Amino acid sequence: SDGSRGSGGEAAATVASTQGVEEAVATQLALIGAAIRFSDTIQVGGGGSCAAHPVFAVLSYCWPLLQDASRRGGPSVLQALLELHGRAMGCLGGGLAPLLPSILEQIGTTFCRRPVVGALECLTQAIELYGESHEAPLSDTLERFVDAVCGWLASTAAPEAEPELLSAFFELCHRCLVFRPQLLLSLPCVASLFDAAAACVAHQEFQHTRAAITFLCLFLSGTDAANLYRESAAHCLQRSGGTLLRYCVQGLASASPANLVDHQIELLRVIAESAPTAVHGWLVAALADPGLDLGALPRQGAAAEAFVRGAAQQHATVAAFHCVASEFSRVCRGKAR
């Protein structure tokens, strides 16, 4: 009818109008971001406050509009807003401190409403720049991100559907361990993070699987700055180390593409080094699990026994361990020499 056609036309016009507004807002944010980018060399003279910096003045003036954009904007607006924040951090550094809590709240709200890679990259930058001076708000925002991603991984039927998001997430966690390990290792959800990363170890997609493995290697091996928080990693390994090792063996045997095998070998080596008294039992249990696909390798036999013996051998050199694990992978894949 004419009425239904009219209603449909009005709806289409409304959608087009909304999209037009979205694009216009994203363009304006991108322009502000570009202006900030080319303001990097501007210095606050005479030791004055950063409030005298034109970038700080612009951000303060349009702050209510930026907050509204974070609550109501679509993907293009949110991405432009996050890029703007990243450039503001790079430009003002510590001078952005008065606005940082609000920026972190915006980033957290944005990510929980619509997970986007830009939010993860922005938080990574904030941790590197402000981890020492703004630990509390950074910890709160990081916890929101970890809860959101771990919850999604635990509930989704397609855990490899967002490889770029997962790559950026595990890169965030890795960088946090490098710059501010206490932020991550003191989170109450650290065990859920460990389990989520472990579940990604046997995935097929290269980038995010490698990012998860790289994070887990540093999580288990630790850094000098993380020594005070080693109990968190030790507890995770004690509780879920066998499960992590099973995923790793599955990746080595059949699940991982060839370009991930060396990364799996390094993770297995780190597990063995971190839990030398438990790794033998974990390996035996993994190989005995009928649900684990070992490809061409007989579940019981000389090859399986040699792998367990070699991988569980304490004080083995890195080269010797690599040879044992590589041979295991080749045998499972029917490529033994």
C-alpha atoms as a PDB file:
ATOM      1  CA  SER A   1       0.000   0.000   0.000  1.00  0.00           C
ATOM      2  CA  ASP A   2       0.983   3.646  -0.318  1.00  0.00           C
ATOM      3  CA  GLY A   3       1.190   3.874   3.482  1.00  0.00           C
ATOM      4  CA  SER A   4       3.582   0.954   3.799  1.00  0.00           C
ATOM      5  CA  ARG A   5       5.688   2.283   0.943  1.00  0.00           C
ATOM      6  CA  GLY A   6       5.777   5.645   2.687  1.00  0.00           C
ATOM      7  CA  SER A   7       6.815   4.074   5.990  1.00  0.00           C
ATOM      8  CA  GLY A   8       9.541   2.079   4.274  1.00  0.00           C
ATOM      9  CA  GLY A   9      10.836   5.190   2.549  1.00  0.00           C
ATOM     10  CA  GLU A  10      10.902   7.113   5.798  1.00  0.00           C
ATOM     11  CA  ALA A  11      12.780   4.298   7.530  1.00  0.00           C
ATOM     12  CA  ALA A  12      15.359   4.166   4.748  1.00  0.00           C
ATOM     13  CA  ALA A  13      15.757   7.926   4.903  1.00  0.00           C
ATOM     14  CA  THR A  14      16.260   7.749   8.663  1.00  0.00           C
ATOM     15  CA  VAL A  15      18.943   5.068   8.300  1.00  0.00           C
ATOM     16  CA  ALA A  16      20.699   7.076   5.595  1.00  0.00           C
ATOM     17  CA  SER A  17      20.534  10.209   7.737  1.00  0.00           C
ATOM     18  CA  THR A  18      21.976   8.343  10.743  1.00  0.00           C
ATOM     19  CA  GLN A  19      24.798   6.938   8.648  1.00  0.00           C
ATOM     20  CA  GLY A  20      25.507  10.407   7.299  1.00  0.00           C
ATOM     21  CA  VAL A  21      25.748  11.846  10.803  1.00  0.00           C
ATOM     22  CA  GLU A  22      27.984   8.939  11.853  1.00  0.00           C
ATOM     23  CA  GLU A  23      30.361   9.543   8.966  1.00  0.00           C
ATOM     24  CA  ALA A  24      30.418  13.288   9.623  1.00  0.00           C
ATOM     25  CA  VAL A  25      31.247  12.822  13.319  1.00  0.00           C
ATOM     26  CA  ALA A  26      33.955  10.268  12.501  1.00  0.00           C
ATOM     27  CA  THR A  27      35.456  12.701   9.973  1.00  0.00           C
ATOM     28  CA  GLN A  28      35.535  15.535  12.508  1.00  0.00           C
ATOM     29  CA  LEU A  29      37.192  13.305  15.101  1.00  0.00           C
ATOM     30  CA  ALA A  30      39.734  12.190  12.515  1.00  0.00           C
ATOM     31  CA  LEU A  31      40.505  15.825  11.712  1.00  0.00           C
ATOM     32  CA  ILE A  32      41.094  16.620  15.381  1.00  0.00           C
ATOM     33  CA  GLY A  33      43.290  13.538  15.620  1.00  0.00           C
ATOM     34  CA  ALA A  34      45.274  14.630  12.577  1.00  0.00           C
ATOM     35  CA  ALA A  35      45.775  18.080  14.099  1.00  0.00           C
ATOM     36  CA  ILE A  36      47.055  16.466  17.308  1.00  0.00           C
ATOM     37  CA  ARG A  37      49.407  14.287  15.304  1.00  0.00           C
ATOM     38  CA  PHE A  38      51.066  17.337  13.801  1.00  0.00           C
ATOM     39  CA  SER A  39      51.251  19.094  17.163  1.00  0.00           C
ATOM     40  CA  ASP A  40      53.786  16.666  18.598  1.00  0.00           C
ATOM     41  CA  THR A  41      56.629  19.154  18.395  1.00  0.00           C
ATOM     42  CA  ILE A  42      54.786  21.965  20.207  1.00  0.00           C
ATOM     43  CA  GLN A  43      56.381  22.591  23.581  1.00  0.00           C
ATOM     44  CA  VAL A  44      54.931  24.216  26.672  1.00  0.00           C
ATOM     45  CA  GLY A  45      57.251  27.153  27.214  1.00  0.00           C
ATOM     46  CA  GLY A  46      58.705  28.504  30.426  1.00  0.00           C
ATOM     47  CA  GLY A  47      58.013  25.417  32.484  1.00  0.00           C
ATOM     48  CA  GLY A  48      54.306  26.251  32.459  1.00  0.00           C
ATOM     49  CA  SER A  49      51.411  23.916  32.941  1.00  0.00           C
ATOM     50  CA  CYS A  50      50.388  21.560  30.167  1.00  0.00           C
ATOM     51  CA  ALA A  51      47.020  23.322  30.289  1.00  0.00           C
ATOM     52  CA  ALA A  52      48.731  25.962  28.129  1.00  0.00           C
ATOM     53  CA  HIS A  53      49.311  23.394  25.397  1.00  0.00           C
ATOM     54  CA  PRO A  54      46.807  23.922  22.563  1.00  0.00           C
ATOM     55  CA  VAL A  55      46.038  20.201  22.325  1.00  0.00           C
ATOM     56  CA  PHE A  56      45.079  20.079  25.990  1.00  0.00           C
ATOM     57  CA  ALA A  57      42.921  23.172  25.511  1.00  0.00           C
ATOM     58  CA  VAL A  58      41.116  21.616  22.534  1.00  0.00           C
ATOM     59  CA  LEU A  59      40.484  18.345  24.358  1.00  0.00           C
ATOM     60  CA  SER A  60      39.163  20.131  27.445  1.00  0.00           C
ATOM     61  CA  TYR A  61      36.848  22.295  25.335  1.00  0.00           C
ATOM     62  CA  CYS A  62      35.279  19.404  23.402  1.00  0.00           C
ATOM     63  CA  TRP A  63      35.400  16.863  26.218  1.00  0.00           C
ATOM     64  CA  PRO A  64      31.585  16.633  26.714  1.00  0.00           C
ATOM     65  CA  LEU A  65      31.199  15.908  22.994  1.00  0.00           C
ATOM     66  CA  LEU A  66      33.889  13.212  23.120  1.00  0.00           C
ATOM     67  CA  GLN A  67      32.134  11.567  26.055  1.00  0.00           C
ATOM     68  CA  ASP A  68      28.841  11.586  24.166  1.00  0.00           C
ATOM     69  CA  ALA A  69      30.529  10.064  21.116  1.00  0.00           C
ATOM     70  CA  SER A  70      31.917   7.198  23.210  1.00  0.00           C
ATOM     71  CA  ARG A  71      28.422   6.377  24.497  1.00  0.00           C
ATOM     72  CA  ARG A  72      26.463   6.710  21.275  1.00  0.00           C
ATOM     73  CA  GLY A  73      28.869   6.349  18.371  1.00  0.00           C
ATOM     74  CA  GLY A  74      29.039   3.462  15.935  1.00  0.00           C
ATOM     75  CA  PRO A  75      32.185   1.570  14.863  1.00  0.00           C
ATOM     76  CA  SER A  76      33.673   4.335  12.690  1.00  0.00           C
ATOM     77  CA  VAL A  77      33.135   6.982  15.383  1.00  0.00           C
ATOM     78  CA  LEU A  78      34.601   4.779  18.100  1.00  0.00           C
ATOM     79  CA  GLN A  79      37.670   3.929  16.034  1.00  0.00           C
ATOM     80  CA  ALA A  80      38.290   7.612  15.251  1.00  0.00           C
ATOM     81  CA  LEU A  81      37.804   8.523  18.918  1.00  0.00           C
ATOM     82  CA  LEU A  82      40.271   5.876  20.073  1.00  0.00           C
ATOM     83  CA  GLU A  83      42.860   7.003  17.532  1.00  0.00           C
ATOM     84  CA  LEU A  84      42.398  10.558  18.809  1.00  0.00           C
ATOM     85  CA  HIS A  85      43.045   9.424  22.382  1.00  0.00           C
ATOM     86  CA  GLY A  86      46.155   7.527  21.295  1.00  0.00           C
ATOM     87  CA  ARG A  87      47.566  10.562  19.548  1.00  0.00           C
ATOM     88  CA  ALA A  88      46.760  12.763  22.547  1.00  0.00           C
ATOM     89  CA  MET A  89      48.731  10.387  24.791  1.00  0.00           C
ATOM     90  CA  GLY A  90      51.665  10.460  22.412  1.00  0.00           C
ATOM     91  CA  CYS A  91      51.552  14.248  22.187  1.00  0.00           C
ATOM     92  CA  LEU A  92      50.987  15.255  25.812  1.00  0.00           C
ATOM     93  CA  GLY A  93      52.498  12.323  27.703  1.00  0.00           C
ATOM     94  CA  GLY A  94      52.268  12.968  31.441  1.00  0.00           C
ATOM     95  CA  GLY A  95      50.515  16.246  30.760  1.00  0.00           C
ATOM     96  CA  LEU A  96      47.363  14.327  29.907  1.00  0.00           C
ATOM     97  CA  ALA A  97      47.127  13.063  33.499  1.00  0.00           C
ATOM     98  CA  PRO A  98      44.122  15.247  34.518  1.00  0.00           C
ATOM     99  CA  LEU A  99      42.028  13.716  31.730  1.00  0.00           C
ATOM    100  CA  LEU A 100      43.396  10.172  31.920  1.00  0.00           C
ATOM    101  CA  PRO A 101      40.813   8.697  34.360  1.00  0.00           C
ATOM    102  CA  SER A 102      38.017   9.936  32.108  1.00  0.00           C
ATOM    103  CA  ILE A 103      39.784   8.615  29.016  1.00  0.00           C
ATOM    104  CA  LEU A 104      40.160   5.195  30.633  1.00  0.00           C
ATOM    105  CA  GLU A 105      36.479   5.202  31.567  1.00  0.00           C
ATOM    106  CA  GLN A 106      35.623   6.022  27.955  1.00  0.00           C
ATOM    107  CA  ILE A 107      37.875   3.239  26.669  1.00  0.00           C
ATOM    108  CA  GLY A 108      36.392   0.711  29.089  1.00  0.00           C
ATOM    109  CA  THR A 109      32.793   1.685  28.341  1.00  0.00           C
ATOM    110  CA  THR A 110      33.494   1.613  24.607  1.00  0.00           C
ATOM    111  CA  PHE A 111      35.041  -1.850  24.713  1.00  0.00           C
ATOM    112  CA  CYS A 112      32.339  -3.416  26.857  1.00  0.00           C
ATOM    113  CA  ARG A 113      29.648  -1.975  24.600  1.00  0.00           C
ATOM    114  CA  ARG A 114      31.352  -2.785  21.303  1.00  0.00           C
ATOM    115  CA  PRO A 115      34.687  -4.648  21.440  1.00  0.00           C
ATOM    116  CA  VAL A 116      37.071  -3.022  18.965  1.00  0.00           C
ATOM    117  CA  VAL A 117      40.787  -3.478  18.385  1.00  0.00           C
ATOM    118  CA  GLY A 118      41.429   0.247  18.852  1.00  0.00           C
ATOM    119  CA  ALA A 119      40.396   0.093  22.516  1.00  0.00           C
ATOM    120  CA  LEU A 120      42.931  -2.657  23.203  1.00  0.00           C
ATOM    121  CA  GLU A 121      45.697  -0.739  21.435  1.00  0.00           C
ATOM    122  CA  CYS A 122      44.789   2.430  23.319  1.00  0.00           C
ATOM    123  CA  LEU A 123      44.932   0.681  26.705  1.00  0.00           C
ATOM    124  CA  THR A 124      48.266  -0.904  25.772  1.00  0.00           C
ATOM    125  CA  GLN A 125      49.674   2.560  25.086  1.00  0.00           C
ATOM    126  CA  ALA A 126      48.239   3.919  28.342  1.00  0.00           C
ATOM    127  CA  ILE A 127      49.845   1.127  30.386  1.00  0.00           C
ATOM    128  CA  GLU A 128      53.231   1.778  28.798  1.00  0.00           C
ATOM    129  CA  LEU A 129      53.002   5.535  29.416  1.00  0.00           C
ATOM    130  CA  TYR A 130      51.116   5.808  32.716  1.00  0.00           C
ATOM    131  CA  GLY A 131      51.477   2.428  34.421  1.00  0.00           C
ATOM    132  CA  GLU A 132      53.539   3.831  37.269  1.00  0.00           C
ATOM    133  CA  SER A 133      51.492   6.948  38.008  1.00  0.00           C
ATOM    134  CA  HIS A 134      47.899   5.748  37.435  1.00  0.00           C
ATOM    135  CA  GLU A 135      47.929   2.147  38.584  1.00  0.00           C
ATOM    136  CA  ALA A 136      44.419   2.054  40.106  1.00  0.00           C
ATOM    137  CA  PRO A 137      42.361   3.278  37.108  1.00  0.00           C
ATOM    138  CA  LEU A 138      44.506   1.248  34.704  1.00  0.00           C
ATOM    139  CA  SER A 139      43.970  -1.875  36.784  1.00  0.00           C
ATOM    140  CA  ASP A 140      40.202  -1.318  36.812  1.00  0.00           C
ATOM    141  CA  THR A 141      40.086  -0.854  33.032  1.00  0.00           C
ATOM    142  CA  LEU A 142      42.346  -3.837  32.401  1.00  0.00           C
ATOM    143  CA  GLU A 143      40.119  -6.022  34.555  1.00  0.00           C
ATOM    144  CA  ARG A 144      37.052  -4.976  32.535  1.00  0.00           C
ATOM    145  CA  PHE A 145      38.824  -5.919  29.317  1.00  0.00           C
ATOM    146  CA  VAL A 146      40.040  -9.282  30.626  1.00  0.00           C
ATOM    147  CA  ASP A 147      36.598 -10.172  31.994  1.00  0.00           C
ATOM    148  CA  ALA A 148      34.949  -9.231  28.683  1.00  0.00           C
ATOM    149  CA  VAL A 149      37.304 -11.219  26.438  1.00  0.00           C
ATOM    150  CA  CYS A 150      37.499 -14.260  28.716  1.00  0.00           C
ATOM    151  CA  GLY A 151      33.723 -14.302  29.050  1.00  0.00           C
ATOM    152  CA  TRP A 152      33.343 -14.175  25.281  1.00  0.00           C
ATOM    153  CA  LEU A 153      35.893 -16.961  24.708  1.00  0.00           C
ATOM    154  CA  ALA A 154      34.185 -19.174  27.288  1.00  0.00           C
ATOM    155  CA  SER A 155      30.735 -18.748  25.747  1.00  0.00           C
ATOM    156  CA  THR A 156      31.246 -18.454  21.989  1.00  0.00           C
ATOM    157  CA  ALA A 157      30.870 -21.344  19.577  1.00  0.00           C
ATOM    158  CA  ALA A 158      33.366 -19.702  17.198  1.00  0.00           C
ATOM    159  CA  PRO A 159      36.435 -18.710  19.264  1.00  0.00           C
ATOM    160  CA  GLU A 160      38.526 -18.028  16.153  1.00  0.00           C
ATOM    161  CA  ALA A 161      35.982 -15.635  14.629  1.00  0.00           C
ATOM    162  CA  GLU A 162      37.805 -12.512  15.877  1.00  0.00           C
ATOM    163  CA  PRO A 163      41.523 -13.129  15.259  1.00  0.00           C
ATOM    164  CA  GLU A 164      42.508  -9.433  15.153  1.00  0.00           C
ATOM    165  CA  LEU A 165      40.739  -8.772  18.438  1.00  0.00           C
ATOM    166  CA  LEU A 166      42.408 -11.744  20.126  1.00  0.00           C
ATOM    167  CA  SER A 167      45.821 -10.795  18.722  1.00  0.00           C
ATOM    168  CA  ALA A 168      45.491  -7.276  20.136  1.00  0.00           C
ATOM    169  CA  PHE A 169      44.200  -8.636  23.451  1.00  0.00           C
ATOM    170  CA  PHE A 170      47.084 -11.027  24.049  1.00  0.00           C
ATOM    171  CA  GLU A 171      49.535  -8.375  22.869  1.00  0.00           C
ATOM    172  CA  LEU A 172      48.040  -6.074  25.520  1.00  0.00           C
ATOM    173  CA  CYS A 173      48.514  -8.758  28.176  1.00  0.00           C
ATOM    174  CA  HIS A 174      52.071  -9.428  27.028  1.00  0.00           C
ATOM    175  CA  ARG A 175      53.026  -5.751  27.060  1.00  0.00           C
ATOM    176  CA  CYS A 176      51.508  -5.426  30.500  1.00  0.00           C
ATOM    177  CA  LEU A 177      53.770  -8.229  31.744  1.00  0.00           C
ATOM    178  CA  VAL A 178      56.749  -6.396  30.262  1.00  0.00           C
ATOM    179  CA  PHE A 179      55.972  -2.910  31.615  1.00  0.00           C
ATOM    180  CA  ARG A 180      53.691  -3.382  34.649  1.00  0.00           C
ATOM    181  CA  PRO A 181      53.391  -7.083  35.586  1.00  0.00           C
ATOM    182  CA  GLN A 182      51.713  -6.276  38.902  1.00  0.00           C
ATOM    183  CA  LEU A 183      48.731  -4.781  37.065  1.00  0.00           C
ATOM    184  CA  LEU A 184      47.990  -8.116  35.425  1.00  0.00           C
ATOM    185  CA  LEU A 185      49.214 -10.639  37.975  1.00  0.00           C
ATOM    186  CA  SER A 186      47.272  -9.045  40.834  1.00  0.00           C
ATOM    187  CA  LEU A 187      43.921  -9.179  39.025  1.00  0.00           C
ATOM    188  CA  PRO A 188      41.322 -11.494  40.603  1.00  0.00           C
ATOM    189  CA  CYS A 189      40.537 -12.833  37.106  1.00  0.00           C
ATOM    190  CA  VAL A 190      44.113 -13.887  36.316  1.00  0.00           C
ATOM    191  CA  ALA A 191      43.188 -17.600  36.463  1.00  0.00           C
ATOM    192  CA  SER A 192      40.429 -17.045  33.898  1.00  0.00           C
ATOM    193  CA  LEU A 193      42.936 -15.250  31.682  1.00  0.00           C
ATOM    194  CA  PHE A 194      45.350 -18.182  31.920  1.00  0.00           C
ATOM    195  CA  ASP A 195      42.589 -20.637  30.983  1.00  0.00           C
ATOM    196  CA  ALA A 196      41.445 -18.447  28.078  1.00  0.00           C
ATOM    197  CA  ALA A 197      44.977 -18.202  26.693  1.00  0.00           C
ATOM    198  CA  ALA A 198      45.489 -21.949  27.106  1.00  0.00           C
ATOM    199  CA  ALA A 199      42.304 -22.662  25.142  1.00  0.00           C
ATOM    200  CA  CYS A 200      43.723 -20.632  22.212  1.00  0.00           C
ATOM    201  CA  VAL A 201      46.977 -22.600  22.046  1.00  0.00           C
ATOM    202  CA  ALA A 202      45.597 -25.285  19.705  1.00  0.00           C
ATOM    203  CA  HIS A 203      43.814 -22.830  17.392  1.00  0.00           C
ATOM    204  CA  GLN A 204      44.521 -22.741  13.658  1.00  0.00           C
ATOM    205  CA  GLU A 205      44.864 -19.009  12.907  1.00  0.00           C
ATOM    206  CA  PHE A 206      48.502 -17.947  13.111  1.00  0.00           C
ATOM    207  CA  GLN A 207      48.553 -14.394  14.506  1.00  0.00           C
ATOM    208  CA  HIS A 208      46.352 -14.676  17.582  1.00  0.00           C
ATOM    209  CA  THR A 209      47.572 -18.200  18.398  1.00  0.00           C
ATOM    210  CA  ARG A 210      51.172 -17.010  18.333  1.00  0.00           C
ATOM    211  CA  ALA A 211      50.184 -14.006  20.485  1.00  0.00           C
ATOM    212  CA  ALA A 212      48.566 -16.318  23.057  1.00  0.00           C
ATOM    213  CA  ILE A 213      51.623 -18.601  23.109  1.00  0.00           C
ATOM    214  CA  THR A 214      54.030 -15.659  23.440  1.00  0.00           C
ATOM    215  CA  PHE A 215      51.992 -14.304  26.347  1.00  0.00           C
ATOM    216  CA  LEU A 216      51.911 -17.686  28.101  1.00  0.00           C
ATOM    217  CA  CYS A 217      55.674 -18.178  27.716  1.00  0.00           C
ATOM    218  CA  LEU A 218      56.369 -14.873  29.463  1.00  0.00           C
ATOM    219  CA  PHE A 219      53.607 -15.485  32.005  1.00  0.00           C
ATOM    220  CA  LEU A 220      55.227 -18.775  33.047  1.00  0.00           C
ATOM    221  CA  SER A 221      58.897 -17.825  32.772  1.00  0.00           C
ATOM    222  CA  GLY A 222      58.422 -14.371  34.303  1.00  0.00           C
ATOM    223  CA  THR A 223      60.614 -11.280  34.448  1.00  0.00           C
ATOM    224  CA  ASP A 224      62.672  -9.700  37.212  1.00  0.00           C
ATOM    225  CA  ALA A 225      59.913  -7.148  37.800  1.00  0.00           C
ATOM    226  CA  ALA A 226      57.339  -9.918  38.219  1.00  0.00           C
ATOM    227  CA  ASN A 227      59.178 -11.860  40.939  1.00  0.00           C
ATOM    228  CA  LEU A 228      56.960 -10.478  43.712  1.00  0.00           C
ATOM    229  CA  TYR A 229      53.896 -11.828  41.897  1.00  0.00           C
ATOM    230  CA  ARG A 230      55.168 -15.270  40.891  1.00  0.00           C
ATOM    231  CA  GLU A 231      52.637 -16.922  43.181  1.00  0.00           C
ATOM    232  CA  SER A 232      49.844 -16.051  40.736  1.00  0.00           C
ATOM    233  CA  ALA A 233      51.579 -17.778  37.835  1.00  0.00           C
ATOM    234  CA  ALA A 234      52.544 -20.747  40.005  1.00  0.00           C
ATOM    235  CA  HIS A 235      48.956 -21.174  41.172  1.00  0.00           C
ATOM    236  CA  CYS A 236      47.656 -21.093  37.594  1.00  0.00           C
ATOM    237  CA  LEU A 237      50.199 -23.670  36.490  1.00  0.00           C
ATOM    238  CA  GLN A 238      49.441 -25.931  39.434  1.00  0.00           C
ATOM    239  CA  ARG A 239      45.698 -25.733  38.789  1.00  0.00           C
ATOM    240  CA  SER A 240      45.631 -25.894  34.977  1.00  0.00           C
ATOM    241  CA  GLY A 241      49.123 -26.852  33.832  1.00  0.00           C
ATOM    242  CA  GLY A 242      48.038 -30.290  32.666  1.00  0.00           C
ATOM    243  CA  THR A 243      45.295 -28.794  30.526  1.00  0.00           C
ATOM    244  CA  LEU A 244      47.683 -26.256  28.995  1.00  0.00           C
ATOM    245  CA  LEU A 245      50.195 -28.990  28.204  1.00  0.00           C
ATOM    246  CA  ARG A 246      47.478 -31.080  26.564  1.00  0.00           C
ATOM    247  CA  TYR A 247      46.557 -28.183  24.262  1.00  0.00           C
ATOM    248  CA  CYS A 248      50.230 -27.703  23.453  1.00  0.00           C
ATOM    249  CA  VAL A 249      50.740 -31.391  22.598  1.00  0.00           C
ATOM    250  CA  GLN A 250      47.602 -31.299  20.468  1.00  0.00           C
ATOM    251  CA  GLY A 251      49.023 -28.348  18.576  1.00  0.00           C
ATOM    252  CA  LEU A 252      52.335 -30.109  18.054  1.00  0.00           C
ATOM    253  CA  ALA A 253      50.740 -33.367  16.975  1.00  0.00           C
ATOM    254  CA  SER A 254      48.088 -32.204  14.535  1.00  0.00           C
ATOM    255  CA  ALA A 255      46.167 -29.005  15.279  1.00  0.00           C
ATOM    256  CA  SER A 256      48.690 -26.269  14.547  1.00  0.00           C
ATOM    257  CA  PRO A 257      49.835 -25.268  11.068  1.00  0.00           C
ATOM    258  CA  ALA A 258      53.517 -25.911  10.346  1.00  0.00           C
ATOM    259  CA  ASN A 259      54.538 -22.300  10.989  1.00  0.00           C
ATOM    260  CA  LEU A 260      53.364 -22.555  14.604  1.00  0.00           C
ATOM    261  CA  VAL A 261      55.229 -25.750  15.510  1.00  0.00           C
ATOM    262  CA  ASP A 262      58.393 -23.974  16.712  1.00  0.00           C
ATOM    263  CA  HIS A 263      56.261 -21.704  18.926  1.00  0.00           C
ATOM    264  CA  GLN A 264      54.508 -24.753  20.384  1.00  0.00           C
ATOM    265  CA  ILE A 265      57.879 -26.372  21.099  1.00  0.00           C
ATOM    266  CA  GLU A 266      59.042 -23.292  22.990  1.00  0.00           C
ATOM    267  CA  LEU A 267      55.844 -23.235  25.051  1.00  0.00           C
ATOM    268  CA  LEU A 268      56.238 -26.915  25.878  1.00  0.00           C
ATOM    269  CA  ARG A 269      59.836 -26.276  26.937  1.00  0.00           C
ATOM    270  CA  VAL A 270      58.760 -23.408  29.207  1.00  0.00           C
ATOM    271  CA  ILE A 271      56.049 -25.605  30.767  1.00  0.00           C
ATOM    272  CA  ALA A 272      58.573 -28.381  31.417  1.00  0.00           C
ATOM    273  CA  GLU A 273      61.044 -25.915  32.910  1.00  0.00           C
ATOM    274  CA  SER A 274      58.369 -24.299  35.100  1.00  0.00           C
ATOM    275  CA  ALA A 275      56.955 -27.584  36.451  1.00  0.00           C
ATOM    276  CA  PRO A 276      59.801 -30.125  36.279  1.00  0.00           C
ATOM    277  CA  THR A 277      58.276 -32.552  38.775  1.00  0.00           C
ATOM    278  CA  ALA A 278      54.812 -32.541  37.230  1.00  0.00           C
ATOM    279  CA  VAL A 279      55.529 -32.549  33.499  1.00  0.00           C
ATOM    280  CA  HIS A 280      56.111 -36.316  33.226  1.00  0.00           C
ATOM    281  CA  GLY A 281      52.691 -37.133  34.669  1.00  0.00           C
ATOM    282  CA  TRP A 282      51.024 -34.480  32.514  1.00  0.00           C
ATOM    283  CA  LEU A 283      52.643 -35.910  29.366  1.00  0.00           C
ATOM    284  CA  VAL A 284      51.621 -39.468  30.181  1.00  0.00           C
ATOM    285  CA  ALA A 285      48.037 -38.355  30.836  1.00  0.00           C
ATOM    286  CA  ALA A 286      47.907 -36.314  27.623  1.00  0.00           C
ATOM    287  CA  LEU A 287      49.139 -39.158  25.413  1.00  0.00           C
ATOM    288  CA  ALA A 288      46.710 -41.573  27.063  1.00  0.00           C
ATOM    289  CA  ASP A 289      43.738 -39.293  26.389  1.00  0.00           C
ATOM    290  CA  PRO A 290      41.701 -40.881  23.540  1.00  0.00           C
ATOM    291  CA  GLY A 291      40.319 -37.461  22.644  1.00  0.00           C
ATOM    292  CA  LEU A 292      43.750 -36.151  21.691  1.00  0.00           C
ATOM    293  CA  ASP A 293      44.558 -36.644  17.995  1.00  0.00           C
ATOM    294  CA  LEU A 294      48.113 -37.962  17.695  1.00  0.00           C
ATOM    295  CA  GLY A 295      47.941 -38.487  13.963  1.00  0.00           C
ATOM    296  CA  ALA A 296      50.299 -41.259  12.813  1.00  0.00           C
ATOM    297  CA  LEU A 297      51.878 -41.788  16.249  1.00  0.00           C
ATOM    298  CA  PRO A 298      50.850 -44.981  18.073  1.00  0.00           C
ATOM    299  CA  ARG A 299      49.438 -44.002  21.449  1.00  0.00           C
ATOM    300  CA  GLN A 300      51.713 -46.557  23.103  1.00  0.00           C
ATOM    301  CA  GLY A 301      55.079 -47.553  21.809  1.00  0.00           C
ATOM    302  CA  ALA A 302      58.723 -46.611  21.563  1.00  0.00           C
ATOM    303  CA  ALA A 303      58.158 -43.249  19.882  1.00  0.00           C
ATOM    304  CA  ALA A 304      55.671 -42.053  22.486  1.00  0.00           C
ATOM    305  CA  GLU A 305      57.885 -43.264  25.328  1.00  0.00           C
ATOM    306  CA  ALA A 306      60.935 -41.539  23.832  1.00  0.00           C
ATOM    307  CA  PHE A 307      59.005 -38.274  23.595  1.00  0.00           C
ATOM    308  CA  VAL A 308      57.838 -38.414  27.218  1.00  0.00           C
ATOM    309  CA  ARG A 309      61.290 -39.346  28.442  1.00  0.00           C
ATOM    310  CA  GLY A 310      63.042 -36.640  26.430  1.00  0.00           C
ATOM    311  CA  ALA A 311      60.541 -33.866  27.110  1.00  0.00           C
ATOM    312  CA  ALA A 312      60.485 -34.579  30.845  1.00  0.00           C
ATOM    313  CA  GLN A 313      64.260 -34.814  31.182  1.00  0.00           C
ATOM    314  CA  GLN A 314      65.470 -32.157  33.577  1.00  0.00           C
ATOM    315  CA  HIS A 315      68.377 -29.858  32.682  1.00  0.00           C
ATOM    316  CA  ALA A 316      68.172 -30.739  28.981  1.00  0.00           C
ATOM    317  CA  THR A 317      69.624 -28.135  26.650  1.00  0.00           C
ATOM    318  CA  VAL A 318      67.294 -26.032  24.532  1.00  0.00           C
ATOM    319  CA  ALA A 319      68.658 -27.702  21.388  1.00  0.00           C
ATOM    320  CA  ALA A 320      68.126 -31.208  22.761  1.00  0.00           C
ATOM    321  CA  PHE A 321      64.579 -30.415  23.831  1.00  0.00           C
ATOM    322  CA  HIS A 322      63.822 -28.920  20.426  1.00  0.00           C
ATOM    323  CA  CYS A 323      65.062 -32.066  18.677  1.00  0.00           C
ATOM    324  CA  VAL A 324      62.854 -34.323  20.822  1.00  0.00           C
ATOM    325  CA  ALA A 325      59.714 -32.225  20.355  1.00  0.00           C
ATOM    326  CA  SER A 326      60.336 -31.671  16.633  1.00  0.00           C
ATOM    327  CA  GLU A 327      60.718 -35.391  16.035  1.00  0.00           C
ATOM    328  CA  PHE A 328      57.473 -36.031  17.938  1.00  0.00           C
ATOM    329  CA  SER A 329      55.642 -33.526  15.741  1.00  0.00           C
ATOM    330  CA  ARG A 330      57.072 -35.015  12.539  1.00  0.00           C
ATOM    331  CA  VAL A 331      56.113 -38.554  13.540  1.00  0.00           C
ATOM    332  CA  CYS A 332      52.563 -37.494  14.406  1.00  0.00           C
ATOM    333  CA  ARG A 333      52.247 -35.734  11.042  1.00  0.00           C
ATOM    334  CA  GLY A 334      53.666 -38.694   9.123  1.00  0.00           C
ATOM    335  CA  LYS A 335      56.846 -36.830   8.190  1.00  0.00           C
ATOM    336  CA  ALA A 336      59.429 -38.724  10.241  1.00  0.00           C
ATOM    337  CA  ARG A 337      62.827 -38.983   8.630  1.00  0.00           C
END
